[in-house]
Amino acid sequence: MGLEFVSHYPEWNHVQFHVRDADLSIHFFGEYLGMGAVRDQRDSEGKRWVWLRFSENPVAPMFVLVEDSQVKKQAPGPSQPLFCFRLQDMKPVEEIGNKAKKDGCLVEGSNYG
C-alpha cells in the first residue's frame, strides 16, 4: 500500500493567459522558456486550450493558454504579470535576454532584485 503526502498548503498548479494566437504563444514560450505543450484541445464551444510545461521539470506548474481572437494587444506596463524564477546560474538569463533582444521581442531586460 503506497502513501501519498498531501500538503496542508495550496499547491500552485497553473497560470492562465488569454492569447490571440496560441501557435505564436507556444513558439514564444518554447523558444525562450523551454516549455512544451502537454495538452492542446478545444472545448465544447470551440475555444482552444493549450497546457504548457517546462520540458526539463515535469512537476513544475503549467501555463494554460486560452486562445481568443478578440484579445487586444496590450502595451507593456505595470498591469502585466511579473514572474520570478530562482536559478543557480544567471548566465542562461543573459543568453535568453540577448537572443530576445536580437529577435526584437525583448520588452524589458532582466532585473536582479
PDB file of N, CA and C in Angstrom:
ATOM      1  N   MET A   1       0.848  -1.175   0.000  1.00  0.00           N
ATOM      2  CA  MET A   1       0.000   0.000   0.000  1.00  0.00           C
ATOM      3  C   MET A   1       0.895   1.240   0.000  1.00  0.00           C
ATOM      4  N   GLY A   2       0.726   2.119  -0.984  1.00  0.00           N
ATOM      5  CA  GLY A   2       1.527   3.340  -1.076  1.00  0.00           C
ATOM      6  C   GLY A   2       0.873   4.488  -0.335  1.00  0.00           C
ATOM      7  N   LEU A   3       1.708   5.314   0.242  1.00  0.00           N
ATOM      8  CA  LEU A   3       1.214   6.512   0.912  1.00  0.00           C
ATOM      9  C   LEU A   3       1.521   7.730   0.065  1.00  0.00           C
ATOM     10  N   GLU A   4       0.582   8.663   0.039  1.00  0.00           N
ATOM     11  CA  GLU A   4       0.782   9.897  -0.718  1.00  0.00           C
ATOM     12  C   GLU A   4       0.805  11.055   0.264  1.00  0.00           C
ATOM     13  N   PHE A   5       1.825  11.893   0.144  1.00  0.00           N
ATOM     14  CA  PHE A   5       1.923  13.065   1.002  1.00  0.00           C
ATOM     15  C   PHE A   5       0.963  14.129   0.480  1.00  0.00           C
ATOM     16  N   VAL A   6       0.120  14.641   1.332  1.00  0.00           N
ATOM     17  CA  VAL A   6      -0.794  15.711   0.970  1.00  0.00           C
ATOM     18  C   VAL A   6      -0.477  16.898   1.854  1.00  0.00           C
ATOM     19  N   SER A   7      -0.097  17.978   1.240  1.00  0.00           N
ATOM     20  CA  SER A   7       0.261  19.191   1.969  1.00  0.00           C
ATOM     21  C   SER A   7      -0.999  19.916   2.439  1.00  0.00           C
ATOM     22  N   HIS A   8      -0.873  20.604   3.552  1.00  0.00           N
ATOM     23  CA  HIS A   8      -1.967  21.428   4.042  1.00  0.00           C
ATOM     24  C   HIS A   8      -1.931  22.810   3.397  1.00  0.00           C
ATOM     25  N   TYR A   9      -0.940  23.038   2.558  1.00  0.00           N
ATOM     26  CA  TYR A   9      -0.785  24.324   1.887  1.00  0.00           C
ATOM     27  C   TYR A   9      -1.219  24.184   0.438  1.00  0.00           C
ATOM     28  N   PRO A  10      -1.759  25.257  -0.131  1.00  0.00           N
ATOM     29  CA  PRO A  10      -2.143  25.184  -1.540  1.00  0.00           C
ATOM     30  C   PRO A  10      -0.927  24.948  -2.416  1.00  0.00           C
ATOM     31  N   GLU A  11      -1.140  24.243  -3.486  1.00  0.00           N
ATOM     32  CA  GLU A  11      -0.058  23.966  -4.429  1.00  0.00           C
ATOM     33  C   GLU A  11      -0.349  24.721  -5.720  1.00  0.00           C
ATOM     34  N   TRP A  12       0.646  25.461  -6.215  1.00  0.00           N
ATOM     35  CA  TRP A  12       0.477  26.220  -7.441  1.00  0.00           C
ATOM     36  C   TRP A  12       0.390  25.244  -8.598  1.00  0.00           C
ATOM     37  N   ASN A  13      -0.705  25.299  -9.349  1.00  0.00           N
ATOM     38  CA  ASN A  13      -0.921  24.371 -10.448  1.00  0.00           C
ATOM     39  C   ASN A  13      -0.673  25.010 -11.806  1.00  0.00           C
ATOM     40  N   HIS A  14      -1.234  26.207 -12.057  1.00  0.00           N
ATOM     41  CA  HIS A  14      -1.061  26.827 -13.368  1.00  0.00           C
ATOM     42  C   HIS A  14      -1.370  28.319 -13.324  1.00  0.00           C
ATOM     43  N   VAL A  15      -0.948  28.990 -14.385  1.00  0.00           N
ATOM     44  CA  VAL A  15      -1.282  30.387 -14.646  1.00  0.00           C
ATOM     45  C   VAL A  15      -1.975  30.392 -15.997  1.00  0.00           C
ATOM     46  N   GLN A  16      -3.068  31.132 -16.095  1.00  0.00           N
ATOM     47  CA  GLN A  16      -3.832  31.157 -17.336  1.00  0.00           C
ATOM     48  C   GLN A  16      -3.607  32.475 -18.076  1.00  0.00           C
ATOM     49  N   PHE A  17      -3.354  32.362 -19.381  1.00  0.00           N
ATOM     50  CA  PHE A  17      -3.173  33.519 -20.245  1.00  0.00           C
ATOM     51  C   PHE A  17      -4.216  33.472 -21.365  1.00  0.00           C
ATOM     52  N   HIS A  18      -4.850  34.585 -21.624  1.00  0.00           N
ATOM     53  CA  HIS A  18      -5.721  34.703 -22.784  1.00  0.00           C
ATOM     54  C   HIS A  18      -4.872  35.306 -23.903  1.00  0.00           C
ATOM     55  N   VAL A  19      -4.758  34.581 -25.006  1.00  0.00           N
ATOM     56  CA  VAL A  19      -3.873  34.983 -26.096  1.00  0.00           C
ATOM     57  C   VAL A  19      -4.641  35.022 -27.414  1.00  0.00           C
ATOM     58  N   ARG A  20      -4.186  35.881 -28.323  1.00  0.00           N
ATOM     59  CA  ARG A  20      -4.800  35.965 -29.653  1.00  0.00           C
ATOM     60  C   ARG A  20      -4.421  34.785 -30.526  1.00  0.00           C
ATOM     61  N   ASP A  21      -3.176  34.350 -30.423  1.00  0.00           N
ATOM     62  CA  ASP A  21      -2.648  33.327 -31.325  1.00  0.00           C
ATOM     63  C   ASP A  21      -1.904  32.278 -30.494  1.00  0.00           C
ATOM     64  N   ALA A  22      -2.539  31.146 -30.277  1.00  0.00           N
ATOM     65  CA  ALA A  22      -1.933  30.102 -29.440  1.00  0.00           C
ATOM     66  C   ALA A  22      -0.647  29.574 -30.063  1.00  0.00           C
ATOM     67  N   ASP A  23      -0.610  29.415 -31.372  1.00  0.00           N
ATOM     68  CA  ASP A  23       0.595  28.879 -32.012  1.00  0.00           C
ATOM     69  C   ASP A  23       1.786  29.819 -31.819  1.00  0.00           C
ATOM     70  N   LEU A  24       1.557  31.109 -31.952  1.00  0.00           N
ATOM     71  CA  LEU A  24       2.621  32.087 -31.734  1.00  0.00           C
ATOM     72  C   LEU A  24       3.090  32.053 -30.275  1.00  0.00           C
ATOM     73  N   SER A  25       2.153  31.919 -29.361  1.00  0.00           N
ATOM     74  CA  SER A  25       2.493  31.854 -27.932  1.00  0.00           C
ATOM     75  C   SER A  25       3.237  30.569 -27.594  1.00  0.00           C
ATOM     76  N   ILE A  26       2.822  29.455 -28.173  1.00  0.00           N
ATOM     77  CA  ILE A  26       3.522  28.183 -27.965  1.00  0.00           C
ATOM     78  C   ILE A  26       4.965  28.320 -28.434  1.00  0.00           C
ATOM     79  N   HIS A  27       5.148  28.924 -29.600  1.00  0.00           N
ATOM     80  CA  HIS A  27       6.502  29.128 -30.121  1.00  0.00           C
ATOM     81  C   HIS A  27       7.314  30.007 -29.162  1.00  0.00           C
ATOM     82  N   PHE A  28       6.738  31.108 -28.699  1.00  0.00           N
ATOM     83  CA  PHE A  28       7.447  32.022 -27.805  1.00  0.00           C
ATOM     84  C   PHE A  28       7.874  31.315 -26.516  1.00  0.00           C
ATOM     85  N   PHE A  29       6.935  30.664 -25.832  1.00  0.00           N
ATOM     86  CA  PHE A  29       7.269  30.016 -24.566  1.00  0.00           C
ATOM     87  C   PHE A  29       8.223  28.843 -24.760  1.00  0.00           C
ATOM     88  N   GLY A  30       8.147  28.171 -25.904  1.00  0.00           N
ATOM     89  CA  GLY A  30       9.098  27.097 -26.196  1.00  0.00           C
ATOM     90  C   GLY A  30      10.488  27.638 -26.477  1.00  0.00           C
ATOM     91  N   GLU A  31      10.560  28.675 -27.286  1.00  0.00           N
ATOM     92  CA  GLU A  31      11.836  29.257 -27.708  1.00  0.00           C
ATOM     93  C   GLU A  31      12.582  29.932 -26.556  1.00  0.00           C
ATOM     94  N   TYR A  32      11.856  30.653 -25.707  1.00  0.00           N
ATOM     95  CA  TYR A  32      12.514  31.469 -24.686  1.00  0.00           C
ATOM     96  C   TYR A  32      12.478  30.879 -23.280  1.00  0.00           C
ATOM     97  N   LEU A  33      11.547  29.980 -23.003  1.00  0.00           N
ATOM     98  CA  LEU A  33      11.491  29.382 -21.659  1.00  0.00           C
ATOM     99  C   LEU A  33      11.661  27.875 -21.656  1.00  0.00           C
ATOM    100  N   GLY A  34      11.745  27.264 -22.817  1.00  0.00           N
ATOM    101  CA  GLY A  34      11.913  25.812 -22.872  1.00  0.00           C
ATOM    102  C   GLY A  34      10.666  25.048 -22.474  1.00  0.00           C
ATOM    103  N   MET A  35       9.498  25.640 -22.716  1.00  0.00           N
ATOM    104  CA  MET A  35       8.241  24.972 -22.382  1.00  0.00           C
ATOM    105  C   MET A  35       7.703  24.247 -23.608  1.00  0.00           C
ATOM    106  N   GLY A  36       6.962  23.181 -23.360  1.00  0.00           N
ATOM    107  CA  GLY A  36       6.344  22.436 -24.454  1.00  0.00           C
ATOM    108  C   GLY A  36       4.891  22.141 -24.136  1.00  0.00           C
ATOM    109  N   ALA A  37       4.090  21.989 -25.168  1.00  0.00           N
ATOM    110  CA  ALA A  37       2.666  21.691 -24.988  1.00  0.00           C
ATOM    111  C   ALA A  37       2.497  20.249 -24.515  1.00  0.00           C
ATOM    112  N   VAL A  38       1.712  20.075 -23.456  1.00  0.00           N
ATOM    113  CA  VAL A  38       1.403  18.732 -22.972  1.00  0.00           C
ATOM    114  C   VAL A  38      -0.051  18.377 -23.260  1.00  0.00           C
ATOM    115  N   ARG A  39      -0.849  19.370 -23.592  1.00  0.00           N
ATOM    116  CA  ARG A  39      -2.244  19.128 -23.981  1.00  0.00           C
ATOM    117  C   ARG A  39      -2.678  20.293 -24.857  1.00  0.00           C
ATOM    118  N   ASP A  40      -3.391  19.992 -25.942  1.00  0.00           N
ATOM    119  CA  ASP A  40      -3.881  21.003 -26.865  1.00  0.00           C
ATOM    120  C   ASP A  40      -5.256  20.526 -27.317  1.00  0.00           C
ATOM    121  N   GLN A  41      -6.295  21.227 -26.914  1.00  0.00           N
ATOM    122  CA  GLN A  41      -7.639  20.760 -27.245  1.00  0.00           C
ATOM    123  C   GLN A  41      -8.610  21.926 -27.381  1.00  0.00           C
ATOM    124  N   ARG A  42      -9.774  21.635 -27.894  1.00  0.00           N
ATOM    125  CA  ARG A  42     -10.854  22.616 -27.997  1.00  0.00           C
ATOM    126  C   ARG A  42     -11.995  22.172 -27.094  1.00  0.00           C
ATOM    127  N   ASP A  43     -12.620  23.170 -26.459  1.00  0.00           N
ATOM    128  CA  ASP A  43     -13.753  22.843 -25.599  1.00  0.00           C
ATOM    129  C   ASP A  43     -15.030  22.740 -26.439  1.00  0.00           C
ATOM    130  N   SER A  44     -16.163  22.517 -25.792  1.00  0.00           N
ATOM    131  CA  SER A  44     -17.435  22.311 -26.497  1.00  0.00           C
ATOM    132  C   SER A  44     -17.873  23.541 -27.288  1.00  0.00           C
ATOM    133  N   GLU A  45     -17.319  24.712 -26.942  1.00  0.00           N
ATOM    134  CA  GLU A  45     -17.643  25.935 -27.668  1.00  0.00           C
ATOM    135  C   GLU A  45     -16.625  26.241 -28.772  1.00  0.00           C
ATOM    136  N   GLY A  46     -15.649  25.359 -28.946  1.00  0.00           N
ATOM    137  CA  GLY A  46     -14.639  25.536 -29.982  1.00  0.00           C
ATOM    138  C   GLY A  46     -13.443  26.359 -29.557  1.00  0.00           C
ATOM    139  N   LYS A  47     -13.398  26.780 -28.299  1.00  0.00           N
ATOM    140  CA  LYS A  47     -12.268  27.583 -27.808  1.00  0.00           C
ATOM    141  C   LYS A  47     -11.072  26.664 -27.568  1.00  0.00           C
ATOM    142  N   ARG A  48      -9.908  27.110 -28.020  1.00  0.00           N
ATOM    143  CA  ARG A  48      -8.684  26.310 -27.899  1.00  0.00           C
ATOM    144  C   ARG A  48      -8.010  26.557 -26.560  1.00  0.00           C
ATOM    145  N   TRP A  49      -7.618  25.474 -25.889  1.00  0.00           N
ATOM    146  CA  TRP A  49      -6.904  25.499 -24.610  1.00  0.00           C
ATOM    147  C   TRP A  49      -5.615  24.710 -24.787  1.00  0.00           C
ATOM    148  N   VAL A  50      -4.487  25.314 -24.407  1.00  0.00           N
ATOM    149  CA  VAL A  50      -3.193  24.644 -24.538  1.00  0.00           C
ATOM    150  C   VAL A  50      -2.486  24.701 -23.185  1.00  0.00           C
ATOM    151  N   TRP A  51      -2.061  23.543 -22.694  1.00  0.00           N
ATOM    152  CA  TRP A  51      -1.318  23.449 -21.435  1.00  0.00           C
ATOM    153  C   TRP A  51       0.160  23.307 -21.768  1.00  0.00           C
ATOM    154  N   LEU A  52       0.989  24.178 -21.203  1.00  0.00           N
ATOM    155  CA  LEU A  52       2.434  24.148 -21.420  1.00  0.00           C
ATOM    156  C   LEU A  52       3.142  23.827 -20.113  1.00  0.00           C
ATOM    157  N   ARG A  53       4.256  23.128 -20.226  1.00  0.00           N
ATOM    158  CA  ARG A  53       5.040  22.788 -19.044  1.00  0.00           C
ATOM    159  C   ARG A  53       6.517  22.883 -19.404  1.00  0.00           C
ATOM    160  N   PHE A  54       7.340  23.196 -18.399  1.00  0.00           N
ATOM    161  CA  PHE A  54       8.784  23.213 -18.618  1.00  0.00           C
ATOM    162  C   PHE A  54       9.234  21.801 -18.975  1.00  0.00           C
ATOM    163  N   SER A  55       9.935  21.682 -20.079  1.00  0.00           N
ATOM    164  CA  SER A  55      10.354  20.364 -20.571  1.00  0.00           C
ATOM    165  C   SER A  55      11.270  19.640 -19.591  1.00  0.00           C
ATOM    166  N   GLU A  56      12.136  20.382 -18.909  1.00  0.00           N
ATOM    167  CA  GLU A  56      13.097  19.750 -18.002  1.00  0.00           C
ATOM    168  C   GLU A  56      12.559  19.564 -16.587  1.00  0.00           C
ATOM    169  N   ASN A  57      11.349  20.025 -16.315  1.00  0.00           N
ATOM    170  CA  ASN A  57      10.779  19.890 -14.976  1.00  0.00           C
ATOM    171  C   ASN A  57       9.301  19.522 -15.089  1.00  0.00           C
ATOM    172  N   PRO A  58       8.993  18.235 -15.228  1.00  0.00           N
ATOM    173  CA  PRO A  58       7.610  17.812 -15.457  1.00  0.00           C
ATOM    174  C   PRO A  58       6.669  18.010 -14.270  1.00  0.00           C
ATOM    175  N   VAL A  59       7.184  18.403 -13.115  1.00  0.00           N
ATOM    176  CA  VAL A  59       6.299  18.642 -11.971  1.00  0.00           C
ATOM    177  C   VAL A  59       6.098  20.134 -11.705  1.00  0.00           C
ATOM    178  N   ALA A  60       6.682  20.978 -12.559  1.00  0.00           N
ATOM    179  CA  ALA A  60       6.531  22.427 -12.400  1.00  0.00           C
ATOM    180  C   ALA A  60       5.111  22.844 -12.765  1.00  0.00           C
ATOM    181  N   PRO A  61       4.667  23.980 -12.242  1.00  0.00           N
ATOM    182  CA  PRO A  61       3.343  24.498 -12.629  1.00  0.00           C
ATOM    183  C   PRO A  61       3.267  24.732 -14.136  1.00  0.00           C
ATOM    184  N   MET A  62       2.065  24.692 -14.648  1.00  0.00           N
ATOM    185  CA  MET A  62       1.847  24.851 -16.077  1.00  0.00           C
ATOM    186  C   MET A  62       1.392  26.270 -16.412  1.00  0.00           C
ATOM    187  N   PHE A  63       1.562  26.637 -17.668  1.00  0.00           N
ATOM    188  CA  PHE A  63       0.938  27.820 -18.230  1.00  0.00           C
ATOM    189  C   PHE A  63      -0.205  27.293 -19.094  1.00  0.00           C
ATOM    190  N   VAL A  64      -1.385  27.863 -18.938  1.00  0.00           N
ATOM    191  CA  VAL A  64      -2.532  27.471 -19.751  1.00  0.00           C
ATOM    192  C   VAL A  64      -2.871  28.633 -20.668  1.00  0.00           C
ATOM    193  N   LEU A  65      -2.863  28.377 -21.962  1.00  0.00           N
ATOM    194  CA  LEU A  65      -3.201  29.389 -22.948  1.00  0.00           C
ATOM    195  C   LEU A  65      -4.632  29.177 -23.409  1.00  0.00           C
ATOM    196  N   VAL A  66      -5.427  30.226 -23.366  1.00  0.00           N
ATOM    197  CA  VAL A  66      -6.788  30.183 -23.886  1.00  0.00           C
ATOM    198  C   VAL A  66      -6.805  31.102 -25.104  1.00  0.00           C
ATOM    199  N   GLU A  67      -7.015  30.506 -26.272  1.00  0.00           N
ATOM    200  CA  GLU A  67      -6.971  31.301 -27.497  1.00  0.00           C
ATOM    201  C   GLU A  67      -8.282  32.063 -27.677  1.00  0.00           C
ATOM    202  N   ASP A  68      -8.150  33.367 -27.928  1.00  0.00           N
ATOM    203  CA  ASP A  68      -9.309  34.233 -28.099  1.00  0.00           C
ATOM    204  C   ASP A  68      -8.917  35.332 -29.084  1.00  0.00           C
ATOM    205  N   SER A  69      -9.468  35.292 -30.282  1.00  0.00           N
ATOM    206  CA  SER A  69      -9.099  36.261 -31.315  1.00  0.00           C
ATOM    207  C   SER A  69      -9.491  37.689 -30.955  1.00  0.00           C
ATOM    208  N   GLN A  70     -10.303  37.854 -29.933  1.00  0.00           N
ATOM    209  CA  GLN A  70     -10.740  39.186 -29.524  1.00  0.00           C
ATOM    210  C   GLN A  70      -9.783  39.862 -28.541  1.00  0.00           C
ATOM    211  N   VAL A  71      -8.756  39.136 -28.087  1.00  0.00           N
ATOM    212  CA  VAL A  71      -7.787  39.721 -27.162  1.00  0.00           C
ATOM    213  C   VAL A  71      -7.054  40.839 -27.871  1.00  0.00           C
ATOM    214  N   LYS A  72      -7.014  41.986 -27.237  1.00  0.00           N
ATOM    215  CA  LYS A  72      -6.328  43.139 -27.818  1.00  0.00           C
ATOM    216  C   LYS A  72      -4.869  43.157 -27.386  1.00  0.00           C
ATOM    217  N   LYS A  73      -4.029  43.666 -28.265  1.00  0.00           N
ATOM    218  CA  LYS A  73      -2.610  43.792 -27.934  1.00  0.00           C
ATOM    219  C   LYS A  73      -2.473  44.823 -26.825  1.00  0.00           C
ATOM    220  N   GLN A  74      -1.740  44.462 -25.790  1.00  0.00           N
ATOM    221  CA  GLN A  74      -1.569  45.320 -24.624  1.00  0.00           C
ATOM    222  C   GLN A  74      -0.157  45.882 -24.604  1.00  0.00           C
ATOM    223  N   ALA A  75      -0.067  47.172 -24.359  1.00  0.00           N
ATOM    224  CA  ALA A  75       1.254  47.793 -24.243  1.00  0.00           C
ATOM    225  C   ALA A  75       1.915  47.311 -22.959  1.00  0.00           C
ATOM    226  N   PRO A  76       3.232  47.123 -22.975  1.00  0.00           N
ATOM    227  CA  PRO A  76       3.932  46.717 -21.761  1.00  0.00           C
ATOM    228  C   PRO A  76       3.693  47.727 -20.641  1.00  0.00           C
ATOM    229  N   GLY A  77       3.509  47.237 -19.465  1.00  0.00           N
ATOM    230  CA  GLY A  77       3.285  48.140 -18.342  1.00  0.00           C
ATOM    231  C   GLY A  77       3.045  47.400 -17.056  1.00  0.00           C
ATOM    232  N   PRO A  78       2.644  48.120 -16.029  1.00  0.00           N
ATOM    233  CA  PRO A  78       2.512  47.519 -14.699  1.00  0.00           C
ATOM    234  C   PRO A  78       1.377  46.509 -14.573  1.00  0.00           C
ATOM    235  N   SER A  79       0.455  46.468 -15.534  1.00  0.00           N
ATOM    236  CA  SER A  79      -0.640  45.509 -15.410  1.00  0.00           C
ATOM    237  C   SER A  79      -0.246  44.116 -15.877  1.00  0.00           C
ATOM    238  N   GLN A  80       0.940  43.963 -16.456  1.00  0.00           N
ATOM    239  CA  GLN A  80       1.381  42.656 -16.890  1.00  0.00           C
ATOM    240  C   GLN A  80       2.007  41.909 -15.717  1.00  0.00           C
ATOM    241  N   PRO A  81       1.795  40.587 -15.673  1.00  0.00           N
ATOM    242  CA  PRO A  81       2.370  39.819 -14.562  1.00  0.00           C
ATOM    243  C   PRO A  81       3.890  39.767 -14.634  1.00  0.00           C
ATOM    244  N   LEU A  82       4.497  39.683 -13.494  1.00  0.00           N
ATOM    245  CA  LEU A  82       5.944  39.539 -13.389  1.00  0.00           C
ATOM    246  C   LEU A  82       6.212  38.173 -12.767  1.00  0.00           C
ATOM    247  N   PHE A  83       6.962  37.358 -13.462  1.00  0.00           N
ATOM    248  CA  PHE A  83       7.311  36.038 -12.956  1.00  0.00           C
ATOM    249  C   PHE A  83       8.774  36.035 -12.578  1.00  0.00           C
ATOM    250  N   CYS A  84       9.077  35.550 -11.416  1.00  0.00           N
ATOM    251  CA  CYS A  84      10.453  35.480 -10.937  1.00  0.00           C
ATOM    252  C   CYS A  84      10.816  34.015 -10.722  1.00  0.00           C
ATOM    253  N   PHE A  85      11.982  33.643 -11.191  1.00  0.00           N
ATOM    254  CA  PHE A  85      12.448  32.269 -11.071  1.00  0.00           C
ATOM    255  C   PHE A  85      13.784  32.261 -10.356  1.00  0.00           C
ATOM    256  N   ARG A  86      13.965  31.309  -9.480  1.00  0.00           N
ATOM    257  CA  ARG A  86      15.236  31.164  -8.772  1.00  0.00           C
ATOM    258  C   ARG A  86      16.127  30.227  -9.586  1.00  0.00           C
ATOM    259  N   LEU A  87      17.318  30.717  -9.890  1.00  0.00           N
ATOM    260  CA  LEU A  87      18.270  29.942 -10.682  1.00  0.00           C
ATOM    261  C   LEU A  87      19.614  29.912  -9.983  1.00  0.00           C
ATOM    262  N   GLN A  88      20.357  28.851 -10.214  1.00  0.00           N
ATOM    263  CA  GLN A  88      21.704  28.769  -9.653  1.00  0.00           C
ATOM    264  C   GLN A  88      22.695  29.578 -10.465  1.00  0.00           C
ATOM    265  N   ASP A  89      22.428  29.733 -11.757  1.00  0.00           N
ATOM    266  CA  ASP A  89      23.355  30.408 -12.659  1.00  0.00           C
ATOM    267  C   ASP A  89      22.582  31.423 -13.492  1.00  0.00           C
ATOM    268  N   MET A  90      23.018  32.674 -13.499  1.00  0.00           N
ATOM    269  CA  MET A  90      22.321  33.724 -14.226  1.00  0.00           C
ATOM    270  C   MET A  90      22.740  33.796 -15.701  1.00  0.00           C
ATOM    271  N   LYS A  91      23.755  33.049 -16.099  1.00  0.00           N
ATOM    272  CA  LYS A  91      24.227  33.100 -17.480  1.00  0.00           C
ATOM    273  C   LYS A  91      23.109  32.770 -18.481  1.00  0.00           C
ATOM    274  N   PRO A  92      22.286  31.731 -18.243  1.00  0.00           N
ATOM    275  CA  PRO A  92      21.203  31.457 -19.194  1.00  0.00           C
ATOM    276  C   PRO A  92      20.213  32.621 -19.333  1.00  0.00           C
ATOM    277  N   VAL A  93      19.993  33.366 -18.252  1.00  0.00           N
ATOM    278  CA  VAL A  93      19.091  34.514 -18.317  1.00  0.00           C
ATOM    279  C   VAL A  93      19.652  35.556 -19.277  1.00  0.00           C
ATOM    280  N   GLU A  94      20.940  35.821 -19.150  1.00  0.00           N
ATOM    281  CA  GLU A  94      21.590  36.784 -20.042  1.00  0.00           C
ATOM    282  C   GLU A  94      21.546  36.299 -21.493  1.00  0.00           C
ATOM    283  N   GLU A  95      21.772  35.005 -21.701  1.00  0.00           N
ATOM    284  CA  GLU A  95      21.751  34.458 -23.064  1.00  0.00           C
ATOM    285  C   GLU A  95      20.359  34.576 -23.683  1.00  0.00           C
ATOM    286  N   ILE A  96      19.336  34.248 -22.916  1.00  0.00           N
ATOM    287  CA  ILE A  96      17.961  34.346 -23.421  1.00  0.00           C
ATOM    288  C   ILE A  96      17.604  35.807 -23.681  1.00  0.00           C
ATOM    289  N   GLY A  97      18.008  36.700 -22.765  1.00  0.00           N
ATOM    290  CA  GLY A  97      17.756  38.130 -22.956  1.00  0.00           C
ATOM    291  C   GLY A  97      18.420  38.656 -24.214  1.00  0.00           C
ATOM    292  N   ASN A  98      19.657  38.250 -24.457  1.00  0.00           N
ATOM    293  CA  ASN A  98      20.365  38.684 -25.667  1.00  0.00           C
ATOM    294  C   ASN A  98      19.677  38.156 -26.926  1.00  0.00           C
ATOM    295  N   LYS A  99      19.217  36.904 -26.871  1.00  0.00           N
ATOM    296  CA  LYS A  99      18.507  36.319 -28.014  1.00  0.00           C
ATOM    297  C   LYS A  99      17.205  37.074 -28.259  1.00  0.00           C
ATOM    298  N   ALA A 100      16.444  37.348 -27.199  1.00  0.00           N
ATOM    299  CA  ALA A 100      15.172  38.065 -27.344  1.00  0.00           C
ATOM    300  C   ALA A 100      15.396  39.476 -27.886  1.00  0.00           C
ATOM    301  N   LYS A 101      16.461  40.130 -27.432  1.00  0.00           N
ATOM    302  CA  LYS A 101      16.777  41.471 -27.929  1.00  0.00           C
ATOM    303  C   LYS A 101      17.108  41.412 -29.423  1.00  0.00           C
ATOM    304  N   LYS A 102      17.930  40.430 -29.806  1.00  0.00           N
ATOM    305  CA  LYS A 102      18.300  40.249 -31.208  1.00  0.00           C
ATOM    306  C   LYS A 102      17.069  39.957 -32.058  1.00  0.00           C
ATOM    307  N   ASP A 103      16.122  39.183 -31.502  1.00  0.00           N
ATOM    308  CA  ASP A 103      14.904  38.806 -32.229  1.00  0.00           C
ATOM    309  C   ASP A 103      13.845  39.917 -32.211  1.00  0.00           C
ATOM    310  N   GLY A 104      14.123  40.993 -31.460  1.00  0.00           N
ATOM    311  CA  GLY A 104      13.192  42.132 -31.425  1.00  0.00           C
ATOM    312  C   GLY A 104      11.961  41.927 -30.570  1.00  0.00           C
ATOM    313  N   CYS A 105      12.046  41.036 -29.574  1.00  0.00           N
ATOM    314  CA  CYS A 105      10.870  40.803 -28.738  1.00  0.00           C
ATOM    315  C   CYS A 105      11.158  40.997 -27.248  1.00  0.00           C
ATOM    316  N   LEU A 106      12.250  41.661 -26.922  1.00  0.00           N
ATOM    317  CA  LEU A 106      12.566  41.942 -25.517  1.00  0.00           C
ATOM    318  C   LEU A 106      11.859  43.231 -25.110  1.00  0.00           C
ATOM    319  N   VAL A 107      10.974  43.139 -24.144  1.00  0.00           N
ATOM    320  CA  VAL A 107      10.253  44.319 -23.657  1.00  0.00           C
ATOM    321  C   VAL A 107      11.057  45.007 -22.580  1.00  0.00           C
ATOM    322  N   GLU A 108      11.596  44.216 -21.666  1.00  0.00           N
ATOM    323  CA  GLU A 108      12.379  44.765 -20.567  1.00  0.00           C
ATOM    324  C   GLU A 108      13.469  43.762 -20.214  1.00  0.00           C
ATOM    325  N   GLY A 109      14.667  44.243 -19.985  1.00  0.00           N
ATOM    326  CA  GLY A 109      15.774  43.369 -19.645  1.00  0.00           C
ATOM    327  C   GLY A 109      15.635  42.772 -18.251  1.00  0.00           C
ATOM    328  N   SER A 110      16.519  41.844 -17.928  1.00  0.00           N
ATOM    329  CA  SER A 110      16.484  41.183 -16.620  1.00  0.00           C
ATOM    330  C   SER A 110      16.778  42.191 -15.518  1.00  0.00           C
ATOM    331  N   ASN A 111      16.187  41.885 -14.362  1.00  0.00           N
ATOM    332  CA  ASN A 111      16.327  42.754 -13.198  1.00  0.00           C
ATOM    333  C   ASN A 111      16.649  41.854 -12.012  1.00  0.00           C
ATOM    334  N   TYR A 112      17.834  42.025 -11.468  1.00  0.00           N
ATOM    335  CA  TYR A 112      18.249  41.185 -10.351  1.00  0.00           C
ATOM    336  C   TYR A 112      17.959  41.915  -9.061  1.00  0.00           C
ATOM    337  N   GLY A 113      16.849  41.535  -8.414  1.00  0.00           N
ATOM    338  CA  GLY A 113      16.438  42.264  -7.211  1.00  0.00           C
ATOM    339  C   GLY A 113      16.656  41.522  -5.954  1.00  0.00           C
TER     340      GLY A 113
END
